[in-house]
């Protein structure tokens, strides 16, 4: 977690400080589905990650969890904000291909086939 602390936690704190300074600025915070431990069932938009935080295994998920908690505290202080939890956003930059069962890949393939780009 310590390697990503500066980027994810302190970076988020700096953005929140900016949002609270002078005129309040709304925040659209992009998090990740890595804050939800793998293998859980029945996870939906209302799932409370606070109940399973001990199961986070890697520093990325842990640091994004802490950053999300900072955003939630700012929400309680009145900051208009929303947290988006995104999954995989792109193919591997080193391997040159996507998992052929990845949702984003399948979605792009469907556009390609439909519009014959």
PDB file of N, CA and C in Angstrom:
ATOM      1  N   UNK A   1       0.818  -1.190   0.000  1.00  0.00           N
ATOM      2  CA  UNK A   1       0.000   0.000   0.000  1.00  0.00           C
ATOM      3  C   UNK A   1       0.863   1.255   0.000  1.00  0.00           C
ATOM      4  N   UNK A   2       2.025   1.194   0.628  1.00  0.00           N
ATOM      5  CA  UNK A   2       2.826   2.407   0.797  1.00  0.00           C
ATOM      6  C   UNK A   2       3.325   2.961  -0.537  1.00  0.00           C
ATOM      7  N   UNK A   3       3.582   2.103  -1.509  1.00  0.00           N
ATOM      8  CA  UNK A   3       4.060   2.579  -2.810  1.00  0.00           C
ATOM      9  C   UNK A   3       3.009   3.435  -3.504  1.00  0.00           C
ATOM     10  N   UNK A   4       1.740   3.159  -3.277  1.00  0.00           N
ATOM     11  CA  UNK A   4       0.655   3.879  -3.945  1.00  0.00           C
ATOM     12  C   UNK A   4      -0.002   4.921  -3.043  1.00  0.00           C
ATOM     13  N   UNK A   5       0.472   5.031  -1.825  1.00  0.00           N
ATOM     14  CA  UNK A   5      -0.106   5.975  -0.873  1.00  0.00           C
ATOM     15  C   UNK A   5      -0.044   7.410  -1.394  1.00  0.00           C
ATOM     16  N   UNK A   6       1.098   7.810  -1.902  1.00  0.00           N
ATOM     17  CA  UNK A   6       1.245   9.175  -2.389  1.00  0.00           C
ATOM     18  C   UNK A   6       0.336   9.479  -3.564  1.00  0.00           C
ATOM     19  N   UNK A   7       0.279   8.572  -4.499  1.00  0.00           N
ATOM     20  CA  UNK A   7      -0.523   8.794  -5.704  1.00  0.00           C
ATOM     21  C   UNK A   7      -2.015   8.747  -5.392  1.00  0.00           C
ATOM     22  N   UNK A   8      -2.460   7.691  -4.751  1.00  0.00           N
ATOM     23  CA  UNK A   8      -3.899   7.502  -4.554  1.00  0.00           C
ATOM     24  C   UNK A   8      -4.455   8.240  -3.347  1.00  0.00           C
ATOM     25  N   UNK A   9      -3.780   8.171  -2.226  1.00  0.00           N
ATOM     26  CA  UNK A   9      -4.319   8.766  -1.000  1.00  0.00           C
ATOM     27  C   UNK A   9      -3.996  10.258  -0.924  1.00  0.00           C
ATOM     28  N   UNK A  10      -2.718  10.602  -0.997  1.00  0.00           N
ATOM     29  CA  UNK A  10      -2.347  12.012  -0.894  1.00  0.00           C
ATOM     30  C   UNK A  10      -2.836  12.805  -2.105  1.00  0.00           C
ATOM     31  N   UNK A  11      -2.802  12.185  -3.284  1.00  0.00           N
ATOM     32  CA  UNK A  11      -3.330  12.852  -4.472  1.00  0.00           C
ATOM     33  C   UNK A  11      -4.807  13.169  -4.326  1.00  0.00           C
ATOM     34  N   UNK A  12      -5.566  12.229  -3.803  1.00  0.00           N
ATOM     35  CA  UNK A  12      -6.992  12.453  -3.575  1.00  0.00           C
ATOM     36  C   UNK A  12      -7.198  13.542  -2.525  1.00  0.00           C
ATOM     37  N   UNK A  13      -6.388  13.508  -1.486  1.00  0.00           N
ATOM     38  CA  UNK A  13      -6.505  14.542  -0.448  1.00  0.00           C
ATOM     39  C   UNK A  13      -6.242  15.934  -1.024  1.00  0.00           C
ATOM     40  N   UNK A  14      -5.252  16.043  -1.902  1.00  0.00           N
ATOM     41  CA  UNK A  14      -4.956  17.332  -2.535  1.00  0.00           C
ATOM     42  C   UNK A  14      -6.113  17.797  -3.403  1.00  0.00           C
ATOM     43  N   UNK A  15      -6.721  16.895  -4.145  1.00  0.00           N
ATOM     44  CA  UNK A  15      -7.874  17.255  -4.974  1.00  0.00           C
ATOM     45  C   UNK A  15      -9.032  17.705  -4.083  1.00  0.00           C
ATOM     46  N   UNK A  16      -9.250  17.010  -2.977  1.00  0.00           N
ATOM     47  CA  UNK A  16     -10.326  17.382  -2.052  1.00  0.00           C
ATOM     48  C   UNK A  16     -10.062  18.749  -1.428  1.00  0.00           C
ATOM     49  N   UNK A  17      -8.815  19.020  -1.077  1.00  0.00           N
ATOM     50  CA  UNK A  17      -8.478  20.346  -0.554  1.00  0.00           C
ATOM     51  C   UNK A  17      -8.818  21.425  -1.577  1.00  0.00           C
ATOM     52  N   UNK A  18      -8.479  21.177  -2.827  1.00  0.00           N
ATOM     53  CA  UNK A  18      -8.802  22.117  -3.897  1.00  0.00           C
ATOM     54  C   UNK A  18     -10.308  22.318  -4.012  1.00  0.00           C
ATOM     55  N   UNK A  19     -11.066  21.219  -3.950  1.00  0.00           N
ATOM     56  CA  UNK A  19     -12.529  21.299  -4.077  1.00  0.00           C
ATOM     57  C   UNK A  19     -13.160  22.103  -2.940  1.00  0.00           C
ATOM     58  N   UNK A  20     -12.556  22.062  -1.761  1.00  0.00           N
ATOM     59  CA  UNK A  20     -13.105  22.765  -0.597  1.00  0.00           C
ATOM     60  C   UNK A  20     -12.613  24.203  -0.481  1.00  0.00           C
ATOM     61  N   UNK A  21     -11.596  24.584  -1.244  1.00  0.00           N
ATOM     62  CA  UNK A  21     -11.004  25.909  -1.132  1.00  0.00           C
ATOM     63  C   UNK A  21     -11.838  26.940  -1.886  1.00  0.00           C
ATOM     64  N   UNK A  22     -12.079  28.085  -1.217  1.00  0.00           N
ATOM     65  CA  UNK A  22     -12.870  29.179  -1.789  1.00  0.00           C
ATOM     66  C   UNK A  22     -14.250  28.660  -2.182  1.00  0.00           C
ATOM     67  N   UNK A  23     -14.606  28.793  -3.428  1.00  0.00           N
ATOM     68  CA  UNK A  23     -15.902  28.298  -3.891  1.00  0.00           C
ATOM     69  C   UNK A  23     -15.846  26.765  -3.977  1.00  0.00           C
ATOM     70  N   UNK A  24     -16.853  26.106  -3.405  1.00  0.00           N
ATOM     71  CA  UNK A  24     -16.891  24.645  -3.418  1.00  0.00           C
ATOM     72  C   UNK A  24     -17.042  24.158  -4.862  1.00  0.00           C
ATOM     73  N   UNK A  25     -16.219  23.171  -5.205  1.00  0.00           N
ATOM     74  CA  UNK A  25     -16.252  22.601  -6.542  1.00  0.00           C
ATOM     75  C   UNK A  25     -16.688  21.142  -6.464  1.00  0.00           C
ATOM     76  N   UNK A  26     -17.683  20.712  -7.235  1.00  0.00           N
ATOM     77  CA  UNK A  26     -18.124  19.316  -7.208  1.00  0.00           C
ATOM     78  C   UNK A  26     -17.016  18.384  -7.690  1.00  0.00           C
ATOM     79  N   UNK A  27     -17.030  17.170  -7.179  1.00  0.00           N
ATOM     80  CA  UNK A  27     -16.001  16.186  -7.525  1.00  0.00           C
ATOM     81  C   UNK A  27     -16.636  14.943  -8.126  1.00  0.00           C
ATOM     82  N   UNK A  28     -16.113  14.512  -9.251  1.00  0.00           N
ATOM     83  CA  UNK A  28     -16.440  13.211  -9.852  1.00  0.00           C
ATOM     84  C   UNK A  28     -15.192  12.357  -9.654  1.00  0.00           C
ATOM     85  N   UNK A  29     -15.238  11.472  -8.677  1.00  0.00           N
ATOM     86  CA  UNK A  29     -14.068  10.686  -8.292  1.00  0.00           C
ATOM     87  C   UNK A  29     -14.098   9.328  -8.971  1.00  0.00           C
ATOM     88  N   UNK A  30     -13.037   9.015  -9.694  1.00  0.00           N
ATOM     89  CA  UNK A  30     -12.951   7.716 -10.369  1.00  0.00           C
ATOM     90  C   UNK A  30     -12.139   6.781  -9.500  1.00  0.00           C
ATOM     91  N   UNK A  31     -12.792   5.747  -8.997  1.00  0.00           N
ATOM     92  CA  UNK A  31     -12.135   4.744  -8.179  1.00  0.00           C
ATOM     93  C   UNK A  31     -11.960   3.484  -9.026  1.00  0.00           C
ATOM     94  N   UNK A  32     -12.132   2.345  -8.437  1.00  0.00           N
ATOM     95  CA  UNK A  32     -11.919   1.084  -9.128  1.00  0.00           C
ATOM     96  C   UNK A  32     -12.708  -0.023  -8.444  1.00  0.00           C
ATOM     97  N   UNK A  33     -13.007  -1.062  -9.204  1.00  0.00           N
ATOM     98  CA  UNK A  33     -13.663  -2.203  -8.570  1.00  0.00           C
ATOM     99  C   UNK A  33     -12.670  -3.029  -7.746  1.00  0.00           C
ATOM    100  N   UNK A  34     -11.398  -2.627  -7.723  1.00  0.00           N
ATOM    101  CA  UNK A  34     -10.397  -3.315  -6.904  1.00  0.00           C
ATOM    102  C   UNK A  34     -10.633  -3.096  -5.408  1.00  0.00           C
ATOM    103  N   UNK A  35     -11.533  -2.175  -5.035  1.00  0.00           N
ATOM    104  CA  UNK A  35     -11.859  -1.981  -3.619  1.00  0.00           C
ATOM    105  C   UNK A  35     -12.838  -3.049  -3.132  1.00  0.00           C
ATOM    106  N   UNK A  36     -13.297  -3.887  -4.050  1.00  0.00           N
ATOM    107  CA  UNK A  36     -14.184  -5.001  -3.701  1.00  0.00           C
ATOM    108  C   UNK A  36     -13.372  -6.282  -3.832  1.00  0.00           C
ATOM    109  N   UNK A  37     -13.153  -7.007  -2.742  1.00  0.00           N
ATOM    110  CA  UNK A  37     -12.339  -8.217  -2.808  1.00  0.00           C
ATOM    111  C   UNK A  37     -12.883  -9.223  -3.818  1.00  0.00           C
ATOM    112  N   UNK A  38     -11.987  -9.919  -4.468  1.00  0.00           N
ATOM    113  CA  UNK A  38     -12.360 -10.913  -5.472  1.00  0.00           C
ATOM    114  C   UNK A  38     -13.166 -12.047  -4.842  1.00  0.00           C
ATOM    115  N   UNK A  39     -14.064 -12.596  -5.618  1.00  0.00           N
ATOM    116  CA  UNK A  39     -14.820 -13.766  -5.190  1.00  0.00           C
ATOM    117  C   UNK A  39     -16.102 -13.492  -4.440  1.00  0.00           C
ATOM    118  N   UNK A  40     -16.429 -12.242  -4.194  1.00  0.00           N
ATOM    119  CA  UNK A  40     -17.673 -11.933  -3.486  1.00  0.00           C
ATOM    120  C   UNK A  40     -18.864 -12.085  -4.422  1.00  0.00           C
ATOM    121  N   UNK A  41     -19.959 -12.505  -3.873  1.00  0.00           N
ATOM    122  CA  UNK A  41     -21.182 -12.671  -4.657  1.00  0.00           C
ATOM    123  C   UNK A  41     -22.205 -11.628  -4.205  1.00  0.00           C
ATOM    124  N   UNK A  42     -23.175 -11.369  -5.062  1.00  0.00           N
ATOM    125  CA  UNK A  42     -24.264 -10.435  -4.758  1.00  0.00           C
ATOM    126  C   UNK A  42     -23.762  -9.031  -4.438  1.00  0.00           C
ATOM    127  N   UNK A  43     -22.851  -8.544  -5.245  1.00  0.00           N
ATOM    128  CA  UNK A  43     -22.329  -7.189  -5.089  1.00  0.00           C
ATOM    129  C   UNK A  43     -23.082  -6.287  -6.060  1.00  0.00           C
ATOM    130  N   UNK A  44     -23.656  -5.202  -5.542  1.00  0.00           N
ATOM    131  CA  UNK A  44     -24.363  -4.258  -6.403  1.00  0.00           C
ATOM    132  C   UNK A  44     -23.903  -2.843  -6.088  1.00  0.00           C
ATOM    133  N   UNK A  45     -24.588  -1.845  -6.651  1.00  0.00           N
ATOM    134  CA  UNK A  45     -24.190  -0.453  -6.471  1.00  0.00           C
ATOM    135  C   UNK A  45     -24.226  -0.005  -5.015  1.00  0.00           C
ATOM    136  N   UNK A  46     -25.051  -0.632  -4.211  1.00  0.00           N
ATOM    137  CA  UNK A  46     -25.201  -0.237  -2.817  1.00  0.00           C
ATOM    138  C   UNK A  46     -24.310  -1.038  -1.865  1.00  0.00           C
ATOM    139  N   UNK A  47     -23.439  -1.872  -2.412  1.00  0.00           N
ATOM    140  CA  UNK A  47     -22.562  -2.704  -1.595  1.00  0.00           C
ATOM    141  C   UNK A  47     -21.636  -1.828  -0.762  1.00  0.00           C
ATOM    142  N   UNK A  48     -21.541  -2.137   0.521  1.00  0.00           N
ATOM    143  CA  UNK A  48     -20.714  -1.362   1.459  1.00  0.00           C
ATOM    144  C   UNK A  48     -19.336  -2.017   1.598  1.00  0.00           C
ATOM    145  N   UNK A  49     -18.335  -1.423   0.986  1.00  0.00           N
ATOM    146  CA  UNK A  49     -16.989  -1.991   1.030  1.00  0.00           C
ATOM    147  C   UNK A  49     -16.393  -1.946   2.432  1.00  0.00           C
ATOM    148  N   UNK A  50     -16.945  -1.105   3.292  1.00  0.00           N
ATOM    149  CA  UNK A  50     -16.439  -1.001   4.655  1.00  0.00           C
ATOM    150  C   UNK A  50     -16.525  -2.340   5.393  1.00  0.00           C
ATOM    151  N   UNK A  51     -17.479  -3.183   5.002  1.00  0.00           N
ATOM    152  CA  UNK A  51     -17.695  -4.463   5.683  1.00  0.00           C
ATOM    153  C   UNK A  51     -16.671  -5.526   5.289  1.00  0.00           C
ATOM    154  N   UNK A  52     -15.939  -5.306   4.216  1.00  0.00           N
ATOM    155  CA  UNK A  52     -15.001  -6.328   3.737  1.00  0.00           C
ATOM    156  C   UNK A  52     -13.593  -5.776   3.517  1.00  0.00           C
ATOM    157  N   UNK A  53     -13.304  -4.609   4.052  1.00  0.00           N
ATOM    158  CA  UNK A  53     -12.010  -3.968   3.810  1.00  0.00           C
ATOM    159  C   UNK A  53     -10.832  -4.832   4.250  1.00  0.00           C
ATOM    160  N   UNK A  54     -11.000  -5.672   5.258  1.00  0.00           N
ATOM    161  CA  UNK A  54      -9.908  -6.526   5.736  1.00  0.00           C
ATOM    162  C   UNK A  54      -9.510  -7.572   4.711  1.00  0.00           C
ATOM    163  N   UNK A  55     -10.373  -7.848   3.744  1.00  0.00           N
ATOM    164  CA  UNK A  55     -10.096  -8.871   2.733  1.00  0.00           C
ATOM    165  C   UNK A  55      -9.328  -8.333   1.530  1.00  0.00           C
ATOM    166  N   UNK A  56      -9.076  -7.019   1.495  1.00  0.00           N
ATOM    167  CA  UNK A  56      -8.311  -6.460   0.382  1.00  0.00           C
ATOM    168  C   UNK A  56      -6.868  -6.944   0.486  1.00  0.00           C
ATOM    169  N   UNK A  57      -6.374  -7.548  -0.588  1.00  0.00           N
ATOM    170  CA  UNK A  57      -5.072  -8.210  -0.538  1.00  0.00           C
ATOM    171  C   UNK A  57      -3.911  -7.378  -1.074  1.00  0.00           C
ATOM    172  N   UNK A  58      -4.192  -6.452  -2.003  1.00  0.00           N
ATOM    173  CA  UNK A  58      -3.064  -5.736  -2.601  1.00  0.00           C
ATOM    174  C   UNK A  58      -3.104  -4.248  -2.270  1.00  0.00           C
ATOM    175  N   UNK A  59      -1.962  -3.623  -2.440  1.00  0.00           N
ATOM    176  CA  UNK A  59      -1.822  -2.217  -2.087  1.00  0.00           C
ATOM    177  C   UNK A  59      -2.667  -1.293  -2.944  1.00  0.00           C
ATOM    178  N   UNK A  60      -2.905  -1.666  -4.193  1.00  0.00           N
ATOM    179  CA  UNK A  60      -3.714  -0.818  -5.049  1.00  0.00           C
ATOM    180  C   UNK A  60      -5.139  -0.720  -4.501  1.00  0.00           C
ATOM    181  N   UNK A  61      -5.771  -1.859  -4.250  1.00  0.00           N
ATOM    182  CA  UNK A  61      -7.133  -1.855  -3.709  1.00  0.00           C
ATOM    183  C   UNK A  61      -7.203  -1.183  -2.352  1.00  0.00           C
ATOM    184  N   UNK A  62      -6.201  -1.426  -1.516  1.00  0.00           N
ATOM    185  CA  UNK A  62      -6.176  -0.818  -0.185  1.00  0.00           C
ATOM    186  C   UNK A  62      -6.047   0.697  -0.261  1.00  0.00           C
ATOM    187  N   UNK A  63      -5.152   1.177  -1.123  1.00  0.00           N
ATOM    188  CA  UNK A  63      -4.963   2.628  -1.216  1.00  0.00           C
ATOM    189  C   UNK A  63      -6.173   3.309  -1.854  1.00  0.00           C
ATOM    190  N   UNK A  64      -6.819   2.663  -2.825  1.00  0.00           N
ATOM    191  CA  UNK A  64      -8.022   3.237  -3.420  1.00  0.00           C
ATOM    192  C   UNK A  64      -9.172   3.221  -2.413  1.00  0.00           C
ATOM    193  N   UNK A  65      -9.215   2.201  -1.557  1.00  0.00           N
ATOM    194  CA  UNK A  65     -10.225   2.157  -0.494  1.00  0.00           C
ATOM    195  C   UNK A  65     -10.060   3.362   0.438  1.00  0.00           C
ATOM    196  N   UNK A  66      -8.828   3.618   0.868  1.00  0.00           N
ATOM    197  CA  UNK A  66      -8.573   4.748   1.765  1.00  0.00           C
ATOM    198  C   UNK A  66      -8.953   6.058   1.080  1.00  0.00           C
ATOM    199  N   UNK A  67      -8.600   6.198  -0.192  1.00  0.00           N
ATOM    200  CA  UNK A  67      -8.942   7.415  -0.932  1.00  0.00           C
ATOM    201  C   UNK A  67     -10.457   7.584  -1.025  1.00  0.00           C
ATOM    202  N   UNK A  68     -11.175   6.493  -1.271  1.00  0.00           N
ATOM    203  CA  UNK A  68     -12.646   6.563  -1.300  1.00  0.00           C
ATOM    204  C   UNK A  68     -13.199   7.042   0.031  1.00  0.00           C
ATOM    205  N   UNK A  69     -12.616   6.579   1.117  1.00  0.00           N
ATOM    206  CA  UNK A  69     -13.089   6.988   2.439  1.00  0.00           C
ATOM    207  C   UNK A  69     -12.889   8.489   2.641  1.00  0.00           C
ATOM    208  N   UNK A  70     -11.804   9.039   2.109  1.00  0.00           N
ATOM    209  CA  UNK A  70     -11.589  10.484   2.179  1.00  0.00           C
ATOM    210  C   UNK A  70     -12.682  11.229   1.412  1.00  0.00           C
ATOM    211  N   UNK A  71     -13.051  10.705   0.254  1.00  0.00           N
ATOM    212  CA  UNK A  71     -14.119  11.333  -0.532  1.00  0.00           C
ATOM    213  C   UNK A  71     -15.434  11.252   0.239  1.00  0.00           C
ATOM    214  N   UNK A  72     -15.705  10.114   0.862  1.00  0.00           N
ATOM    215  CA  UNK A  72     -16.944   9.969   1.638  1.00  0.00           C
ATOM    216  C   UNK A  72     -16.988  10.939   2.819  1.00  0.00           C
ATOM    217  N   UNK A  73     -15.842  11.144   3.476  1.00  0.00           N
ATOM    218  CA  UNK A  73     -15.792  12.132   4.560  1.00  0.00           C
ATOM    219  C   UNK A  73     -16.079  13.532   4.036  1.00  0.00           C
ATOM    220  N   UNK A  74     -15.567  13.839   2.860  1.00  0.00           N
ATOM    221  CA  UNK A  74     -15.847  15.151   2.265  1.00  0.00           C
ATOM    222  C   UNK A  74     -17.316  15.290   1.899  1.00  0.00           C
ATOM    223  N   UNK A  75     -17.937  14.196   1.492  1.00  0.00           N
ATOM    224  CA  UNK A  75     -19.375  14.231   1.217  1.00  0.00           C
ATOM    225  C   UNK A  75     -20.135  14.602   2.481  1.00  0.00           C
ATOM    226  N   UNK A  76     -19.716  14.037   3.617  1.00  0.00           N
ATOM    227  CA  UNK A  76     -20.358  14.359   4.888  1.00  0.00           C
ATOM    228  C   UNK A  76     -20.151  15.824   5.272  1.00  0.00           C
ATOM    229  N   UNK A  77     -19.041  16.393   4.820  1.00  0.00           N
ATOM    230  CA  UNK A  77     -18.758  17.813   5.080  1.00  0.00           C
ATOM    231  C   UNK A  77     -19.482  18.721   4.097  1.00  0.00           C
ATOM    232  N   UNK A  78     -20.238  18.125   3.170  1.00  0.00           N
ATOM    233  CA  UNK A  78     -21.042  18.931   2.262  1.00  0.00           C
ATOM    234  C   UNK A  78     -20.531  19.031   0.841  1.00  0.00           C
ATOM    235  N   UNK A  79     -19.450  18.362   0.521  1.00  0.00           N
ATOM    236  CA  UNK A  79     -18.931  18.434  -0.847  1.00  0.00           C
ATOM    237  C   UNK A  79     -19.832  17.638  -1.787  1.00  0.00           C
ATOM    238  N   UNK A  80     -20.366  18.274  -2.819  1.00  0.00           N
ATOM    239  CA  UNK A  80     -21.138  17.507  -3.799  1.00  0.00           C
ATOM    240  C   UNK A  80     -20.181  16.640  -4.614  1.00  0.00           C
ATOM    241  N   UNK A  81     -20.341  15.343  -4.498  1.00  0.00           N
ATOM    242  CA  UNK A  81     -19.419  14.438  -5.188  1.00  0.00           C
ATOM    243  C   UNK A  81     -20.079  13.092  -5.432  1.00  0.00           C
ATOM    244  N   UNK A  82     -19.467  12.366  -6.344  1.00  0.00           N
ATOM    245  CA  UNK A  82     -19.915  11.014  -6.659  1.00  0.00           C
ATOM    246  C   UNK A  82     -18.683  10.155  -6.887  1.00  0.00           C
ATOM    247  N   UNK A  83     -18.791   8.892  -6.514  1.00  0.00           N
ATOM    248  CA  UNK A  83     -17.689   7.949  -6.699  1.00  0.00           C
ATOM    249  C   UNK A  83     -18.098   6.957  -7.780  1.00  0.00           C
ATOM    250  N   UNK A  84     -17.262   6.856  -8.799  1.00  0.00           N
ATOM    251  CA  UNK A  84     -17.462   5.857  -9.851  1.00  0.00           C
ATOM    252  C   UNK A  84     -16.456   4.741  -9.619  1.00  0.00           C
ATOM    253  N   UNK A  85     -16.921   3.505  -9.679  1.00  0.00           N
ATOM    254  CA  UNK A  85     -16.009   2.365  -9.547  1.00  0.00           C
ATOM    255  C   UNK A  85     -15.933   1.656 -10.887  1.00  0.00           C
ATOM    256  N   UNK A  86     -14.844   1.885 -11.568  1.00  0.00           N
ATOM    257  CA  UNK A  86     -14.664   1.314 -12.895  1.00  0.00           C
ATOM    258  C   UNK A  86     -13.864   0.025 -12.827  1.00  0.00           C
ATOM    259  N   UNK A  87     -14.097  -0.818 -13.790  1.00  0.00           N
ATOM    260  CA  UNK A  87     -13.303  -2.032 -13.947  1.00  0.00           C
ATOM    261  C   UNK A  87     -12.179  -1.784 -14.933  1.00  0.00           C
ATOM    262  N   UNK A  88     -11.791  -2.820 -15.641  1.00  0.00           N
ATOM    263  CA  UNK A  88     -10.727  -2.739 -16.634  1.00  0.00           C
ATOM    264  C   UNK A  88     -11.082  -1.727 -17.715  1.00  0.00           C
ATOM    265  N   UNK A  89     -10.166  -0.822 -18.024  1.00  0.00           N
ATOM    266  CA  UNK A  89     -10.448   0.227 -19.002  1.00  0.00           C
ATOM    267  C   UNK A  89      -9.729   0.061 -20.327  1.00  0.00           C
ATOM    268  N   UNK A  90      -8.759  -0.807 -20.407  1.00  0.00           N
ATOM    269  CA  UNK A  90      -8.006  -0.929 -21.654  1.00  0.00           C
ATOM    270  C   UNK A  90      -7.265  -2.253 -21.700  1.00  0.00           C
ATOM    271  N   UNK A  91      -6.721  -2.503 -22.862  1.00  0.00           N
ATOM    272  CA  UNK A  91      -5.909  -3.712 -23.050  1.00  0.00           C
ATOM    273  C   UNK A  91      -4.548  -3.531 -22.398  1.00  0.00           C
ATOM    274  N   UNK A  92      -3.847  -4.624 -22.271  1.00  0.00           N
ATOM    275  CA  UNK A  92      -2.492  -4.581 -21.748  1.00  0.00           C
ATOM    276  C   UNK A  92      -1.599  -3.799 -22.704  1.00  0.00           C
ATOM    277  N   UNK A  93      -0.794  -2.911 -22.165  1.00  0.00           N
ATOM    278  CA  UNK A  93       0.123  -2.147 -23.018  1.00  0.00           C
ATOM    279  C   UNK A  93       1.371  -2.950 -23.358  1.00  0.00           C
ATOM    280  N   UNK A  94       1.603  -4.046 -22.645  1.00  0.00           N
ATOM    281  CA  UNK A  94       2.796  -4.847 -22.914  1.00  0.00           C
ATOM    282  C   UNK A  94       2.483  -6.101 -23.717  1.00  0.00           C
ATOM    283  N   UNK A  95       1.322  -6.691 -23.490  1.00  0.00           N
ATOM    284  CA  UNK A  95       0.992  -7.949 -24.170  1.00  0.00           C
ATOM    285  C   UNK A  95       0.392  -7.719 -25.558  1.00  0.00           C
ATOM    286  N   UNK A  96      -0.260  -6.577 -25.756  1.00  0.00           N
ATOM    287  CA  UNK A  96      -0.820  -6.272 -27.062  1.00  0.00           C
ATOM    288  C   UNK A  96      -2.148  -6.934 -27.367  1.00  0.00           C
ATOM    289  N   UNK A  97      -2.810  -7.495 -26.365  1.00  0.00           N
ATOM    290  CA  UNK A  97      -4.132  -8.075 -26.592  1.00  0.00           C
ATOM    291  C   UNK A  97      -4.956  -7.980 -25.324  1.00  0.00           C
ATOM    292  N   UNK A  98      -6.276  -8.148 -25.515  1.00  0.00           N
ATOM    293  CA  UNK A  98      -7.220  -8.152 -24.418  1.00  0.00           C
ATOM    294  C   UNK A  98      -7.674  -9.576 -24.137  1.00  0.00           C
ATOM    295  N   UNK A  99      -8.148  -9.784 -22.945  1.00  0.00           N
ATOM    296  CA  UNK A  99      -8.847 -11.018 -22.606  1.00  0.00           C
ATOM    297  C   UNK A  99     -10.104 -11.054 -23.468  1.00  0.00           C
ATOM    298  N   UNK A 100     -10.273 -12.112 -24.240  1.00  0.00           N
ATOM    299  CA  UNK A 100     -11.412 -12.146 -25.168  1.00  0.00           C
ATOM    300  C   UNK A 100     -12.758 -12.332 -24.472  1.00  0.00           C
ATOM    301  N   UNK A 101     -12.767 -12.433 -23.147  1.00  0.00           N
ATOM    302  CA  UNK A 101     -14.015 -12.478 -22.378  1.00  0.00           C
ATOM    303  C   UNK A 101     -14.244 -11.194 -21.590  1.00  0.00           C
ATOM    304  N   UNK A 102     -13.357 -10.216 -21.766  1.00  0.00           N
ATOM    305  CA  UNK A 102     -13.469  -8.935 -21.071  1.00  0.00           C
ATOM    306  C   UNK A 102     -14.670  -8.161 -21.617  1.00  0.00           C
ATOM    307  N   UNK A 103     -15.469  -7.573 -20.725  1.00  0.00           N
ATOM    308  CA  UNK A 103     -16.681  -6.875 -21.141  1.00  0.00           C
ATOM    309  C   UNK A 103     -16.377  -5.736 -22.109  1.00  0.00           C
ATOM    310  N   UNK A 104     -15.374  -4.926 -21.798  1.00  0.00           N
ATOM    311  CA  UNK A 104     -15.041  -3.795 -22.662  1.00  0.00           C
ATOM    312  C   UNK A 104     -14.638  -4.282 -24.052  1.00  0.00           C
ATOM    313  N   UNK A 105     -13.840  -5.328 -24.093  1.00  0.00           N
ATOM    314  CA  UNK A 105     -13.424  -5.906 -25.372  1.00  0.00           C
ATOM    315  C   UNK A 105     -14.640  -6.385 -26.159  1.00  0.00           C
ATOM    316  N   UNK A 106     -15.535  -7.106 -25.502  1.00  0.00           N
ATOM    317  CA  UNK A 106     -16.729  -7.618 -26.177  1.00  0.00           C
ATOM    318  C   UNK A 106     -17.626  -6.489 -26.665  1.00  0.00           C
ATOM    319  N   UNK A 107     -17.739  -5.441 -25.860  1.00  0.00           N
ATOM    320  CA  UNK A 107     -18.548  -4.295 -26.264  1.00  0.00           C
ATOM    321  C   UNK A 107     -17.963  -3.634 -27.511  1.00  0.00           C
ATOM    322  N   UNK A 108     -16.662  -3.418 -27.512  1.00  0.00           N
ATOM    323  CA  UNK A 108     -16.026  -2.820 -28.688  1.00  0.00           C
ATOM    324  C   UNK A 108     -16.148  -3.722 -29.912  1.00  0.00           C
ATOM    325  N   UNK A 109     -16.024  -5.020 -29.713  1.00  0.00           N
ATOM    326  CA  UNK A 109     -16.196  -5.963 -30.824  1.00  0.00           C
ATOM    327  C   UNK A 109     -17.605  -5.873 -31.393  1.00  0.00           C
ATOM    328  N   UNK A 110     -18.605  -5.721 -30.532  1.00  0.00           N
ATOM    329  CA  UNK A 110     -19.977  -5.640 -31.024  1.00  0.00           C
ATOM    330  C   UNK A 110     -20.188  -4.376 -31.844  1.00  0.00           C
ATOM    331  N   UNK A 111     -19.586  -3.253 -31.406  1.00  0.00           N
ATOM    332  CA  UNK A 111     -19.673  -2.023 -32.200  1.00  0.00           C
ATOM    333  C   UNK A 111     -19.006  -2.211 -33.548  1.00  0.00           C
ATOM    334  N   UNK A 112     -17.848  -2.827 -33.510  1.00  0.00           N
ATOM    335  CA  UNK A 112     -17.102  -3.056 -34.748  1.00  0.00           C
ATOM    336  C   UNK A 112     -17.925  -3.900 -35.725  1.00  0.00           C
ATOM    337  N   UNK A 113     -18.506  -4.959 -35.228  1.00  0.00           N
ATOM    338  CA  UNK A 113     -19.287  -5.850 -36.105  1.00  0.00           C
ATOM    339  C   UNK A 113     -20.572  -5.189 -36.576  1.00  0.00           C
ATOM    340  N   UNK A 114     -21.209  -4.416 -35.689  1.00  0.00           N
ATOM    341  CA  UNK A 114     -22.479  -3.771 -36.060  1.00  0.00           C
ATOM    342  C   UNK A 114     -22.260  -2.683 -37.111  1.00  0.00           C
ATOM    343  N   UNK A 115     -21.248  -1.862 -36.860  1.00  0.00           N
ATOM    344  CA  UNK A 115     -21.021  -0.723 -37.777  1.00  0.00           C
ATOM    345  C   UNK A 115     -20.015  -1.050 -38.882  1.00  0.00           C
ATOM    346  N   UNK A 116     -19.404  -2.236 -38.814  1.00  0.00           N
ATOM    347  CA  UNK A 116     -18.407  -2.679 -39.801  1.00  0.00           C
ATOM    348  C   UNK A 116     -17.340  -1.601 -40.032  1.00  0.00           C
ATOM    349  N   UNK A 117     -16.790  -1.159 -38.928  1.00  0.00           N
ATOM    350  CA  UNK A 117     -15.768  -0.101 -38.957  1.00  0.00           C
ATOM    351  C   UNK A 117     -14.514  -0.617 -39.631  1.00  0.00           C
TER     352      UNK A 117
END
